[in-house]
Amino acid sequence: MDAQAQESFREFVAGRSSALLKTAVLLTGGDRHAAEDLLQNALVKAAGRWQRIDQPEAYVRRILYRQQVGRWRLKWPRREVTVAELPEAPTAPDASGAAELRLVLRTALSRLTARQRTVLVLRYFEDLPEADVARLLGCSVGTVRSTTHRSLARLRTLAPELAVFGRDSGAERRPSRDFSPVEVRS
């Protein structure tokens, strides 16, 4: 890679890595360390082809999605996380509704399967149409639809309080059965 391409890559990483990391965190179910690894691997792959990439962000995002799909296909998923000390229990609820919403949503997303979480991230966080999600994940549009439906149903079961957040934030009042992640995005 020549000096101009290196500088271009550095600028891209400096400017877009935080947005890409947010996507990676969502794809990994809130595991920041796994998300950093996922993003780092994607950037390494992109660096090798940097001079031939027309749309760098789209290229890196596609690598993120495909690497995450590859992780679900592992025979033995690596999900164990060890820590030195157990986290302290919160003493008082957070006054900030948005922060509480993020925590509830992150916990609920982490309890979904990797496939369910990825479909929801692509559909609602990345705002991709079903056909694009199907193409990225290498499945049919019907599979995306059914996975989205099952994932939202599971999310409603895991965190029924998410529907309350959507109503409290000034959104129009809807029954909880109409909840979708789009309603709670900030």
Protein backbone atom coordinates (compact mmCIF):
# COMPACT_ATOMS: atom_id res chain seq x y z
CA MET A 1 0.00 0.00 0.00
CA ASP A 2 1.44 3.37 -0.97
CA ALA A 3 1.61 6.40 1.35
CA GLN A 4 -1.53 8.02 -0.08
CA ALA A 5 -3.56 4.83 0.41
CA GLN A 6 -2.23 4.44 3.95
CA GLU A 7 -3.30 7.98 4.79
CA SER A 8 -6.72 7.37 3.25
CA PHE A 9 -7.12 4.19 5.31
CA ARG A 10 -6.06 5.98 8.52
CA GLU A 11 -8.60 8.74 7.88
CA PHE A 12 -11.33 6.18 7.26
CA VAL A 13 -10.53 4.31 10.47
CA ALA A 14 -10.36 7.53 12.49
CA GLY A 15 -13.62 8.84 11.07
CA ARG A 16 -15.81 5.73 10.87
CA SER A 17 -14.53 3.25 13.46
CA SER A 18 -16.91 4.40 16.22
CA ALA A 19 -19.98 3.93 14.00
CA LEU A 20 -18.68 0.57 12.81
CA LEU A 21 -17.98 -0.47 16.40
CA LYS A 22 -21.59 0.29 17.37
CA THR A 23 -22.78 -2.06 14.65
CA ALA A 24 -20.28 -4.71 15.75
CA VAL A 25 -21.44 -4.41 19.39
CA LEU A 26 -25.03 -4.98 18.30
CA LEU A 27 -24.03 -7.93 16.13
CA THR A 28 -22.17 -9.58 19.04
CA GLY A 29 -25.00 -9.08 21.50
CA GLY A 30 -23.36 -6.34 23.53
CA ASP A 31 -20.01 -8.07 23.99
CA ARG A 32 -17.65 -5.14 23.46
CA HIS A 33 -14.51 -7.28 23.39
CA ALA A 34 -15.93 -9.60 20.73
CA ALA A 35 -17.12 -6.53 18.81
CA GLU A 36 -13.65 -5.00 18.89
CA ASP A 37 -12.19 -8.28 17.61
CA LEU A 38 -14.84 -8.46 14.89
CA LEU A 39 -14.13 -4.88 13.76
CA GLN A 40 -10.35 -5.33 13.95
CA ASN A 41 -10.52 -8.42 11.74
CA ALA A 42 -12.77 -6.60 9.26
CA LEU A 43 -10.37 -3.64 9.08
CA VAL A 44 -7.39 -5.94 8.55
CA LYS A 45 -9.19 -7.61 5.64
CA ALA A 46 -10.16 -4.23 4.18
CA ALA A 47 -6.59 -2.88 4.50
CA GLY A 48 -5.31 -5.65 2.24
CA ARG A 49 -7.66 -4.58 -0.58
CA TRP A 50 -7.89 -0.87 0.26
CA GLN A 51 -6.78 0.47 -3.12
CA ARG A 52 -9.43 -1.58 -4.95
CA ILE A 53 -12.38 -0.67 -2.72
CA ASP A 54 -14.90 1.81 -4.15
CA GLN A 55 -17.20 2.13 -1.13
CA PRO A 56 -15.09 1.47 1.97
CA GLU A 57 -17.80 1.67 4.63
CA ALA A 58 -20.16 -0.66 2.79
CA TYR A 59 -17.26 -3.05 2.18
CA VAL A 60 -16.23 -3.12 5.86
CA ARG A 61 -19.86 -3.52 7.02
CA ARG A 62 -20.31 -6.47 4.66
CA ILE A 63 -17.17 -8.06 6.14
CA LEU A 64 -18.61 -7.53 9.64
CA TYR A 65 -21.89 -9.21 8.69
CA ARG A 66 -20.22 -12.14 6.99
CA GLN A 67 -17.76 -12.71 9.83
CA GLN A 68 -20.64 -12.73 12.30
CA VAL A 69 -22.51 -15.24 10.14
CA GLY A 70 -19.37 -17.37 10.15
CA ARG A 71 -19.29 -17.25 13.94
CA TRP A 72 -22.81 -18.69 14.24
CA ARG A 73 -21.81 -21.55 12.04
CA LEU A 74 -19.00 -22.64 14.37
CA LYS A 75 -19.58 -26.10 15.74
CA TRP A 76 -18.75 -24.93 19.27
CA PRO A 77 -19.59 -21.28 19.79
CA ARG A 78 -17.32 -19.47 22.19
CA ARG A 79 -19.70 -17.67 24.53
CA GLU A 80 -18.02 -17.92 27.92
CA VAL A 81 -16.78 -14.65 29.35
CA THR A 82 -14.73 -14.71 32.53
CA VAL A 83 -14.30 -11.75 34.87
CA ALA A 84 -12.20 -11.26 37.98
CA GLU A 85 -15.06 -9.90 40.12
CA LEU A 86 -18.81 -10.07 39.86
CA PRO A 87 -20.36 -6.74 38.90
CA GLU A 88 -22.09 -4.80 41.63
CA ALA A 89 -25.87 -4.73 41.62
CA PRO A 90 -27.26 -1.28 40.86
CA THR A 91 -28.31 0.57 44.00
CA ALA A 92 -30.78 2.98 42.41
CA PRO A 93 -32.47 3.04 39.01
CA ASP A 94 -30.94 5.40 36.50
CA ALA A 95 -32.89 8.60 36.08
CA SER A 96 -32.11 8.69 32.39
CA GLY A 97 -34.75 6.75 30.46
CA ALA A 98 -32.57 6.52 27.37
CA ALA A 99 -29.71 4.87 29.26
CA GLU A 100 -32.09 2.41 30.89
CA LEU A 101 -33.64 1.64 27.52
CA ARG A 102 -30.23 0.88 26.02
CA LEU A 103 -29.41 -1.50 28.86
CA VAL A 104 -32.73 -3.31 28.62
CA LEU A 105 -32.44 -3.57 24.85
CA ARG A 106 -28.81 -4.74 25.01
CA THR A 107 -29.69 -7.44 27.55
CA ALA A 108 -32.65 -8.61 25.51
CA LEU A 109 -30.60 -8.64 22.31
CA SER A 110 -27.84 -10.64 23.98
CA ARG A 111 -30.39 -13.33 24.85
CA LEU A 112 -31.40 -13.79 21.21
CA THR A 113 -29.55 -16.20 18.97
CA ALA A 114 -26.79 -14.71 16.84
CA ARG A 115 -28.90 -15.20 13.71
CA GLN A 116 -31.93 -13.45 15.22
CA ARG A 117 -29.79 -10.60 16.50
CA THR A 118 -28.06 -10.14 13.15
CA VAL A 119 -31.34 -10.02 11.24
CA LEU A 120 -32.75 -7.42 13.64
CA VAL A 121 -29.58 -5.30 13.46
CA LEU A 122 -29.60 -5.35 9.67
CA ARG A 123 -33.34 -4.69 9.37
CA TYR A 124 -33.81 -2.02 12.05
CA PHE A 125 -30.43 -0.54 13.02
CA GLU A 126 -28.97 -0.55 9.52
CA ASP A 127 -32.46 -0.03 8.01
CA LEU A 128 -31.86 -2.47 5.16
CA PRO A 129 -34.74 -3.88 3.12
CA GLU A 130 -35.50 -7.60 3.41
CA ALA A 131 -34.02 -8.36 -0.01
CA ASP A 132 -30.66 -6.79 0.95
CA VAL A 133 -30.58 -8.66 4.25
CA ALA A 134 -31.33 -11.92 2.44
CA ARG A 135 -28.55 -11.24 -0.06
CA LEU A 136 -26.04 -10.39 2.68
CA LEU A 137 -26.88 -13.45 4.76
CA GLY A 138 -27.17 -15.83 1.82
CA CYS A 139 -30.76 -16.89 2.50
CA SER A 140 -34.22 -16.28 1.06
CA VAL A 141 -36.42 -13.25 1.71
CA GLY A 142 -38.93 -15.58 3.35
CA THR A 143 -36.28 -16.74 5.80
CA VAL A 144 -35.51 -13.11 6.66
CA ARG A 145 -39.22 -12.41 7.20
CA SER A 146 -39.81 -15.43 9.40
CA THR A 147 -36.62 -14.84 11.38
CA THR A 148 -37.58 -11.19 11.88
CA HIS A 149 -41.05 -12.20 13.04
CA ARG A 150 -39.74 -14.81 15.48
CA SER A 151 -36.99 -12.49 16.71
CA LEU A 152 -39.40 -9.66 17.48
CA ALA A 153 -41.75 -12.07 19.24
CA ARG A 154 -38.85 -13.37 21.33
CA LEU A 155 -37.71 -9.80 22.07
CA ARG A 156 -41.24 -8.91 23.26
CA THR A 157 -41.19 -11.97 25.53
CA LEU A 158 -37.73 -11.25 26.92
CA ALA A 159 -38.31 -7.54 27.54
CA PRO A 160 -41.97 -6.52 27.62
CA GLU A 161 -40.88 -3.28 29.31
CA LEU A 162 -39.48 -2.05 25.99
CA ALA A 163 -43.03 -1.25 24.86
CA VAL A 164 -43.40 1.04 27.89
CA PHE A 165 -40.27 2.99 26.89
CA GLY A 166 -41.68 3.61 23.44
CA ARG A 167 -44.83 5.14 24.94
CA ASP A 168 -43.05 7.22 27.62
CA SER A 169 -40.71 8.89 25.14
CA GLY A 170 -43.53 10.85 23.49
CA ALA A 171 -44.16 8.34 20.73
CA GLU A 172 -47.77 7.79 19.79
CA ARG A 173 -49.54 5.30 22.01
CA ARG A 174 -49.62 1.82 20.54
CA PRO A 175 -50.40 -1.57 22.02
CA SER A 176 -47.28 -3.51 23.01
CA ARG A 177 -47.92 -6.08 20.26
CA ASP A 178 -46.97 -3.40 17.71
CA PHE A 179 -43.53 -2.87 19.25
CA SER A 180 -40.58 -2.89 16.90
CA PRO A 181 -36.99 -1.76 17.48
CA VAL A 182 -37.58 1.17 15.14
CA GLU A 183 -39.88 2.75 17.74
CA VAL A 184 -37.14 2.87 20.37
CA ARG A 185 -34.20 4.07 18.29
CA SER A 186 -32.78 7.35 19.48
